[in-house]
């Protein structure tokens, strides 16, 4: 049984105003970096202007192992507070990354809902972030895709390199 709240895959609460989410793409799980000297390794930047205590959960290679759920994608991680539930997929690709990333977010949300039915209703802010270091300023409108995603899963879809905490 999957447990997206397993403390073995979670960080202690982080209330930094700005920190990075990283994936070394070497078979290990995604992780948080709060050291500004390593910003070149950050795939996504978390802007936390209200210093909300956030817990990061490694999903791919953490909650969900590589050999589990073979035809099901999984995103890299999840950020949460008492009011926030954000799924995050980290990409470092130039081409064909949006469709794959959205699939991974959709699959992860379905896995989460299956493991924790009704739990997402507890959260006021629900978003799915698709972040790509190679495309930090994504300018193509994805309103239609975002609306479809929201109607299907109850999460707002943001394709950008910054995770903005509201």
Foldseek 3Di string as FASTA:
>chain_A
DFDQPPCVQKDFWWQDQKWAWADPPPQAAIDIGRDPVVVVRGQAMEGRNVSAGKMKGAVDCGSADCVPPPVAAAARIWIDHQAETEAEHGAADDDDQPVVLVRNQVRHLVVVCVVPPPPVVSHNAAAYEYTYSVCQPDDDDDVVVQVVCCVVRVHGYYYHRYHYDD
